[in-house]
Each structure stands twice: as structure tokens, then as C-alpha cells.
Amino acid sequence: MAMENLLSREFLRVVEEAAIAAARTMGQGDRHGADRVAVEAMRSAMDSLPMRGTVVIGEGERDEAPMLYIGEKVGRNQTDDIEVDIAVDPLEGTNLCATGSPNAIAVLAASNHGGLLHAPDCYMDKIVVGPAAKGAVHLDAPVAENLKAIAARLQRSVKDLVVIVLDRPRHEQLVEDIRRAGARIRLISDGDLSAGISAAVRRTNVHAVMGIGGAPEGVLTAAALRCLNGGMQARLVPTKEGQEERMKAMGISDPKRIYTERDLAPGPDIIFAASGVTDGNLLRGVRFFGHGFRTNSLVMALRDRMIRFVDTVRLDGAPDVVVEF
């Protein structure tokens, strides 16, 4: 049975469980606690699935992460189960959840063995665009040139574009270049993965994401873009001692290579699932009511060309429960 048919619905449940667990901590100011409960919920849900899964992007190295570490085996792990590589971010936007800010999500991507780049936990320089501008931008091109190319593909003026950039000191020059070119900027404190997905979906009023963020989030973004026909260029940016050696150990021989979304997520079968923790551009956050809760999620499968937005209400079984809309 194809991976999409076997696991799409199951992965939806996995991200829902992580989102629900994280949402119960929303606004409590405990980013580490929020991340911990999301990891625990996701790990528990995955262990019941009919797969032999290997975490290729997770919470870190084994000595640093108690579970969902890189290389960890998840699923039932029976001999007749399907072999799957998995990238997870149980809570993308830990600070967003801790402060009750928008766009915190629980995320998972899966592919065939070898279908996701084993990216080290370092920075990645990225440019993400929607389907119309795919192939029109280059990571090393001047910012103004890329913005003109995006505007031309979208048949609009540069001044009508909105570019999302992480609000970091390292992006001061990038922000200045975008403003000088005439485009508008939406600065975000966290959550460039959610932003990357938004750039590939029309009517979100996001036309590109630019700047340096996390490499693991970059691979997850690439998996989503494969399903959404979006475009991406990226380059790993090692900033700490030992990261280049770590890259070589993971099979990355050229640290200056520019990757596309297909290079980062080359698998022929890709499943991407995300569930909202707090309200955001694409997904609503978890809503709790008297005898249940409501989740808003997204699940995509590359081979089936299937994209589903899923609104789920779970009830606790009380005979007089009332469903909230």
C-alpha cells in the first residue's frame, strides 16, 4: 500500500495530538515546557503507527534530546511495516506559544528512505516563493532583482509585494534592501516555516520569505513546497565550530551548495502535516470548550496531489455535550 494511503490520516492525528498538548500551555510563558509536552505527545502518537520510522530531523542529537532525536526509531517497527524517514518540529514557534502569539504550529513531514536531506542543526539562508515565481529567483542575486522577478511573474508592482523576514539583527541589511526596492515587509519574531507555507498559498498576502533561519525548518518547508508547487533556494550557513565537520559526517560535501526545494526534499512520496496551536495566517489554533476541543489542520500528499484542510471536533463522550462552532 502507498505511503500516502497508509499514513496520511495517521500523521494528521500525530500533529493534532502535539498541537493539543502544546495549546494547553499557551500563554504560560514556559517555552521549554510547551516544547516538552508537544514532543511527548507526538512521540507517543507515532509509536502506534504501522511504520519503521527514522527521525532524520528532530529535537537535536541523542545526548541533548530525550526523545525525537536525530536517528531515533519510531513506529511499531515490525518487519512488514513501511520504512519512512521523518522530519518533525513538534512545536514550531515555542516563543509564540509561550506568549500566546499567532502562528505556532505542530509539524511533521515524511518521505521514503533518503527522501529528506539530513540537515544539521545550523542556520540556512533561504528565499521562498509561490508557484508563479518558481524558478525566477536566485539566492545570490541582488534583493531588488529578485523582487522585480517576483513582481513580473505575479503581474504586479514591486510596491505591492509583501516579504516576510525574521526580526533579527543579522537581517538589518536585508530589510534595508527590501525597503529601498519598494516592497513591504512583515517582520516576525519566530515561525519562518509557517511563513514559507503561506508564501506558496494564494490570498495570504505573503509573496516571499527571505533571510536566514534554521536548516531543519528549511527542510520541512521544502517538503511542504513540493506538495504546493512552490519554489525555494537555500544554502547552509555554519556559524559554530565543528558544524562543517558535522555536515561532512552527514554526507554534505559542499557547504556552499545552493539547494532547491527538490534537493532538500527529493523523495517521490512526501506527506506533510501541520496543526495550528495558536491562530495564524493559514490555521486556527486549538479551541477548548466544555466537553471537547477543536483543531484546524493541513495534510498534503505529493504523489496523490492531495491537499486537505481539516477541521476536527473531538468530544469527551458526555451525553449532553454541545459542539461549539
Protein backbone atom coordinates (compact mmCIF):
# COMPACT_ATOMS: atom_id res chain seq x y z
CA MET A 1 0.00 0.00 0.00
CA ALA A 2 1.29 3.50 -0.88
CA MET A 3 2.68 5.58 1.97
CA GLU A 4 0.05 8.30 1.43
CA ASN A 5 -2.85 5.85 1.71
CA LEU A 6 -1.36 4.13 4.74
CA LEU A 7 -0.12 7.06 6.82
CA SER A 8 -1.72 10.40 5.81
CA ARG A 9 -4.60 10.11 8.25
CA GLU A 10 -2.30 8.75 10.96
CA PHE A 11 0.14 11.65 10.63
CA LEU A 12 -2.79 14.04 10.87
CA ARG A 13 -3.60 12.54 14.26
CA VAL A 14 0.06 12.85 15.32
CA VAL A 15 0.25 16.61 14.70
CA GLU A 16 -3.19 17.12 16.27
CA GLU A 17 -2.05 15.41 19.48
CA ALA A 18 1.09 17.56 19.62
CA ALA A 19 -0.91 20.75 18.96
CA ILE A 20 -3.46 19.96 21.67
CA ALA A 21 -0.74 19.26 24.24
CA ALA A 22 1.10 22.48 23.39
CA ALA A 23 -2.07 24.58 23.30
CA ARG A 24 -2.83 23.69 26.93
CA THR A 25 0.37 25.58 27.85
CA MET A 26 -0.36 28.62 25.67
CA GLY A 27 0.44 31.95 27.25
CA GLN A 28 2.02 30.46 30.37
CA GLY A 29 5.47 31.80 29.49
CA ASP A 30 7.15 28.38 29.61
CA ARG A 31 8.61 27.75 26.16
CA HIS A 32 10.60 24.71 27.28
CA GLY A 33 7.57 23.19 28.97
CA ALA A 34 5.43 23.77 25.89
CA ASP A 35 8.03 22.12 23.67
CA ARG A 36 8.40 19.18 26.07
CA VAL A 37 4.72 18.29 26.16
CA ALA A 38 4.43 18.63 22.37
CA VAL A 39 7.41 16.28 21.88
CA GLU A 40 6.00 13.74 24.33
CA ALA A 41 2.57 13.78 22.68
CA MET A 42 3.99 13.43 19.18
CA ARG A 43 6.33 10.61 20.22
CA SER A 44 3.53 8.69 21.92
CA ALA A 45 1.22 9.03 18.90
CA MET A 46 3.88 7.93 16.41
CA ASP A 47 4.82 4.80 18.31
CA SER A 48 1.47 3.19 17.47
CA LEU A 49 1.81 3.68 13.70
CA PRO A 50 2.46 0.80 11.24
CA MET A 51 5.89 2.00 10.14
CA ARG A 52 9.59 1.61 10.65
CA GLY A 53 10.36 5.29 11.04
CA THR A 54 13.69 7.04 11.47
CA VAL A 55 13.85 10.63 12.67
CA VAL A 56 16.20 12.48 10.30
CA ILE A 57 15.31 15.94 11.61
CA GLY A 58 14.23 16.19 15.22
CA GLU A 59 14.86 17.91 18.51
CA GLY A 60 18.63 17.52 18.31
CA GLU A 61 21.31 14.93 18.99
CA ARG A 62 20.62 11.96 21.24
CA ASP A 63 22.60 13.30 24.20
CA GLU A 64 20.75 16.62 24.02
CA ALA A 65 17.19 15.43 23.34
CA PRO A 66 15.44 12.80 25.46
CA MET A 67 13.16 11.82 22.58
CA LEU A 68 12.59 12.52 18.90
CA TYR A 69 16.35 12.94 18.50
CA ILE A 70 18.09 12.53 15.14
CA GLY A 71 18.40 8.83 14.37
CA GLU A 72 15.67 7.72 16.78
CA LYS A 73 13.44 4.85 15.65
CA VAL A 74 9.69 5.49 15.86
CA GLY A 75 6.59 3.49 14.99
CA ARG A 76 5.74 -0.14 15.66
CA ASN A 77 8.94 -1.22 13.85
CA GLN A 78 7.61 -4.58 12.73
CA THR A 79 9.23 -6.32 9.77
CA ASP A 80 6.26 -5.84 7.43
CA ASP A 81 5.84 -2.12 8.27
CA ILE A 82 6.74 0.53 5.72
CA GLU A 83 10.17 2.23 6.04
CA VAL A 84 9.88 6.01 6.43
CA ASP A 85 12.20 8.97 7.07
CA ILE A 86 10.61 11.60 9.29
CA ALA A 87 11.28 15.28 9.98
CA VAL A 88 9.49 16.80 12.95
CA ASP A 89 9.01 20.09 14.68
CA PRO A 90 6.55 19.26 17.46
CA LEU A 91 6.17 22.95 18.26
CA GLU A 92 7.34 25.41 15.65
CA GLY A 93 7.24 28.71 17.46
CA THR A 94 7.88 27.80 21.10
CA ASN A 95 8.09 31.50 21.99
CA LEU A 96 4.86 32.16 20.08
CA CYS A 97 3.04 29.52 22.12
CA ALA A 98 4.56 30.72 25.40
CA THR A 99 3.34 34.27 24.77
CA GLY A 100 0.05 33.37 23.05
CA SER A 101 1.21 34.95 19.79
CA PRO A 102 -0.02 33.88 16.32
CA ASN A 103 1.35 31.16 14.02
CA ALA A 104 2.59 28.47 16.41
CA ILE A 105 2.08 25.07 14.75
CA ALA A 106 2.91 21.38 15.20
CA VAL A 107 4.59 19.95 12.09
CA LEU A 108 5.66 16.63 10.61
CA ALA A 109 6.99 15.64 7.17
CA ALA A 110 7.68 12.10 5.99
CA SER A 111 9.16 10.51 2.89
CA ASN A 112 10.72 7.37 1.54
CA HIS A 113 14.09 6.37 3.00
CA GLY A 114 16.56 9.02 1.79
CA GLY A 115 13.77 11.35 0.71
CA LEU A 116 14.63 14.21 3.09
CA LEU A 117 18.00 15.91 3.46
CA HIS A 118 19.71 15.09 6.76
CA ALA A 119 20.28 18.73 7.59
CA PRO A 120 22.49 19.62 10.55
CA ASP A 121 21.14 21.91 13.23
CA CYS A 122 22.66 25.10 11.84
CA TYR A 123 21.44 28.18 10.00
CA MET A 124 20.17 28.23 6.43
CA ASP A 125 19.91 31.21 4.08
CA LYS A 126 16.59 30.95 2.22
CA ILE A 127 14.33 32.53 -0.33
CA VAL A 128 10.84 31.06 -0.66
CA VAL A 129 8.27 31.96 -3.31
CA GLY A 130 4.94 30.69 -4.59
CA PRO A 131 4.31 28.66 -7.76
CA ALA A 132 4.13 31.70 -10.06
CA ALA A 133 7.65 32.88 -9.15
CA LYS A 134 9.22 29.42 -9.01
CA GLY A 135 12.50 29.44 -10.96
CA ALA A 136 12.56 33.23 -11.25
CA VAL A 137 14.75 33.99 -8.24
CA HIS A 138 18.33 33.20 -7.28
CA LEU A 139 19.79 33.18 -3.80
CA ASP A 140 22.87 35.15 -4.88
CA ALA A 141 21.00 37.73 -6.96
CA PRO A 142 20.54 41.26 -5.58
CA VAL A 143 17.40 41.66 -3.49
CA ALA A 144 15.95 44.26 -5.87
CA GLU A 145 16.47 41.94 -8.82
CA ASN A 146 14.67 39.08 -7.12
CA LEU A 147 11.78 41.33 -6.12
CA LYS A 148 11.41 42.58 -9.70
CA ALA A 149 11.36 39.00 -10.94
CA ILE A 150 8.68 38.02 -8.42
CA ALA A 151 6.59 41.07 -9.28
CA ALA A 152 6.85 40.34 -13.00
CA ARG A 153 5.68 36.76 -12.54
CA LEU A 154 2.75 37.95 -10.41
CA GLN A 155 1.97 40.76 -12.86
CA ARG A 156 2.09 43.46 -10.23
CA SER A 157 4.40 46.20 -9.00
CA VAL A 158 7.21 45.63 -6.51
CA LYS A 159 5.44 48.05 -4.16
CA ASP A 160 2.54 45.57 -3.98
CA LEU A 161 4.73 42.73 -2.68
CA VAL A 162 4.87 41.62 0.96
CA VAL A 163 8.06 39.89 2.12
CA ILE A 164 8.33 38.10 5.46
CA VAL A 165 11.64 38.43 7.31
CA LEU A 166 12.64 37.18 10.75
CA ASP A 167 13.21 40.15 13.03
CA ARG A 168 16.90 39.61 13.79
CA PRO A 169 19.93 41.93 13.85
CA ARG A 170 21.54 39.81 11.11
CA HIS A 171 18.81 40.97 8.72
CA GLU A 172 19.36 44.72 9.01
CA GLN A 173 20.91 44.97 5.54
CA LEU A 174 18.28 42.68 4.01
CA VAL A 175 15.48 44.80 5.46
CA GLU A 176 17.12 47.98 4.15
CA ASP A 177 17.49 46.46 0.66
CA ILE A 178 13.85 45.34 0.54
CA ARG A 179 12.61 48.74 1.63
CA ARG A 180 14.87 50.51 -0.84
CA ALA A 181 13.44 48.33 -3.62
CA GLY A 182 9.95 49.49 -2.63
CA ALA A 183 8.41 46.27 -1.30
CA ARG A 184 6.64 45.99 2.03
CA ILE A 185 7.93 43.88 4.93
CA ARG A 186 6.25 41.83 7.60
CA LEU A 187 8.74 41.26 10.41
CA ILE A 188 8.08 38.16 12.51
CA SER A 189 9.65 37.14 15.81
CA ASP A 190 9.57 33.38 15.06
CA GLY A 191 7.94 30.85 12.75
CA ASP A 192 9.59 31.11 9.33
CA LEU A 193 8.30 27.62 8.45
CA SER A 194 4.69 28.77 8.75
CA ALA A 195 5.66 31.86 6.76
CA GLY A 196 7.18 29.75 3.98
CA ILE A 197 3.97 27.76 3.61
CA SER A 198 1.97 30.99 3.46
CA ALA A 199 4.15 32.27 0.60
CA ALA A 200 3.12 29.28 -1.52
CA VAL A 201 -0.62 29.74 -0.96
CA ARG A 202 -2.59 32.47 -2.69
CA ARG A 203 -4.61 35.11 -0.83
CA THR A 204 -2.42 35.01 2.27
CA ASN A 205 -0.89 38.35 1.19
CA VAL A 206 2.61 36.86 1.51
CA HIS A 207 4.68 36.80 -1.67
CA ALA A 208 8.13 35.75 -0.46
CA VAL A 209 10.18 34.81 2.57
CA MET A 210 13.81 35.93 2.71
CA GLY A 211 16.65 35.64 5.18
CA ILE A 212 18.48 33.25 7.46
CA GLY A 213 16.61 30.79 9.65
CA GLY A 214 17.04 27.24 10.83
CA ALA A 215 18.16 24.48 8.48
CA PRO A 216 15.78 21.85 9.92
CA GLU A 217 12.85 24.22 9.36
CA GLY A 218 14.17 24.73 5.83
CA VAL A 219 13.84 21.02 5.02
CA LEU A 220 10.32 20.93 6.45
CA THR A 221 9.44 23.99 4.36
CA ALA A 222 10.83 22.28 1.25
CA ALA A 223 8.65 19.22 1.88
CA ALA A 224 5.58 21.46 2.03
CA LEU A 225 6.63 23.36 -1.09
CA ARG A 226 6.97 20.11 -3.06
CA CYS A 227 3.29 19.49 -2.36
CA LEU A 228 2.28 23.11 -3.05
CA ASN A 229 4.39 23.61 -6.23
CA GLY A 230 6.26 26.44 -4.51
CA GLY A 231 9.90 27.35 -5.11
CA MET A 232 12.87 27.67 -2.80
CA GLN A 233 16.61 28.24 -2.89
CA ALA A 234 18.74 27.74 0.18
CA ARG A 235 22.30 27.40 1.43
CA LEU A 236 23.57 26.03 4.74
CA VAL A 237 25.29 28.62 6.93
CA PRO A 238 27.59 27.06 9.53
CA THR A 239 28.35 29.56 12.30
CA LYS A 240 29.77 27.42 15.08
CA GLU A 241 32.95 25.44 15.42
CA GLY A 242 32.52 21.85 14.33
CA GLN A 243 29.42 22.39 12.20
CA GLU A 244 31.24 21.93 8.89
CA GLU A 245 32.68 18.64 10.16
CA ARG A 246 29.18 17.63 11.23
CA MET A 247 27.92 18.45 7.74
CA LYS A 248 30.57 16.22 6.15
CA ALA A 249 29.67 13.38 8.52
CA MET A 250 26.06 13.70 7.34
CA GLY A 251 27.13 13.40 3.68
CA ILE A 252 27.19 17.11 2.79
CA SER A 253 30.46 17.61 0.91
CA ASP A 254 29.90 21.14 -0.45
CA PRO A 255 28.89 23.59 2.32
CA LYS A 256 28.36 26.37 -0.25
CA ARG A 257 25.93 24.44 -2.41
CA ILE A 258 22.62 26.10 -3.28
CA TYR A 259 19.72 23.72 -2.76
CA THR A 260 16.27 23.86 -4.32
CA GLU A 261 13.12 22.51 -2.70
CA ARG A 262 13.61 19.30 -4.71
CA ASP A 263 17.18 18.91 -3.43
CA LEU A 264 16.06 19.33 0.18
CA ALA A 265 13.07 17.01 -0.14
CA PRO A 266 13.77 14.73 -3.13
CA GLY A 267 11.51 11.83 -2.16
CA PRO A 268 8.89 10.64 -4.65
CA ASP A 269 6.42 10.16 -1.79
CA ILE A 270 6.05 13.05 0.65
CA ILE A 271 3.46 13.61 3.34
CA PHE A 272 3.31 16.95 5.15
CA ALA A 273 1.02 17.55 8.11
CA ALA A 274 0.58 20.58 10.36
CA SER A 275 -1.90 21.55 13.05
CA GLY A 276 -2.45 25.02 14.47
CA VAL A 277 -1.53 25.66 18.09
CA THR A 278 -2.33 29.38 18.08
CA ASP A 279 -4.33 31.27 15.45
CA GLY A 280 -2.33 32.08 12.32
CA ASN A 281 -2.41 33.02 8.64
CA LEU A 282 -3.35 29.52 7.47
CA LEU A 283 -4.56 27.59 10.50
CA ARG A 284 -6.65 28.41 13.56
CA GLY A 285 -5.33 27.38 16.93
CA VAL A 286 -6.78 24.74 19.22
CA ARG A 287 -10.08 25.78 20.80
CA PHE A 288 -11.22 24.15 24.02
CA PHE A 289 -14.85 24.05 25.14
CA GLY A 290 -16.81 22.38 27.91
CA HIS A 291 -16.53 18.76 26.83
CA GLY A 292 -14.04 18.67 23.99
CA PHE A 293 -11.81 20.64 21.69
CA ARG A 294 -11.49 21.68 18.06
CA THR A 295 -8.37 21.56 15.88
CA ASN A 296 -7.59 23.04 12.49
CA SER A 297 -5.01 21.17 10.43
CA LEU A 298 -3.44 20.73 7.00
CA VAL A 299 -2.32 17.46 5.43
CA MET A 300 -0.71 17.14 1.98
CA ALA A 301 0.47 14.19 -0.09
CA LEU A 302 2.75 14.71 -3.09
CA ARG A 303 2.01 11.62 -5.18
CA ASP A 304 -1.76 11.93 -4.84
CA ARG A 305 -1.63 15.72 -5.38
CA MET A 306 -3.88 15.94 -2.37
CA ILE A 307 -4.19 18.94 -0.05
CA ARG A 308 -6.72 18.84 2.75
CA PHE A 309 -7.67 21.47 5.29
CA VAL A 310 -9.17 19.53 8.18
CA ASP A 311 -11.42 20.91 10.92
CA THR A 312 -11.84 18.33 13.69
CA VAL A 313 -14.07 18.34 16.76
CA ARG A 314 -13.42 15.76 19.47
CA LEU A 315 -15.97 15.13 22.21
CA ASP A 316 -15.37 13.55 25.59
CA GLY A 317 -18.44 11.32 25.47
CA ALA A 318 -20.69 13.24 27.86
CA PRO A 319 -24.37 12.66 26.89
CA ASP A 320 -25.28 16.35 26.95
CA VAL A 321 -22.18 17.76 25.21
CA VAL A 322 -22.73 20.79 22.97
CA VAL A 323 -20.50 21.32 19.92
CA GLU A 324 -19.06 24.82 19.58
CA PHE A 325 -18.62 26.26 16.04
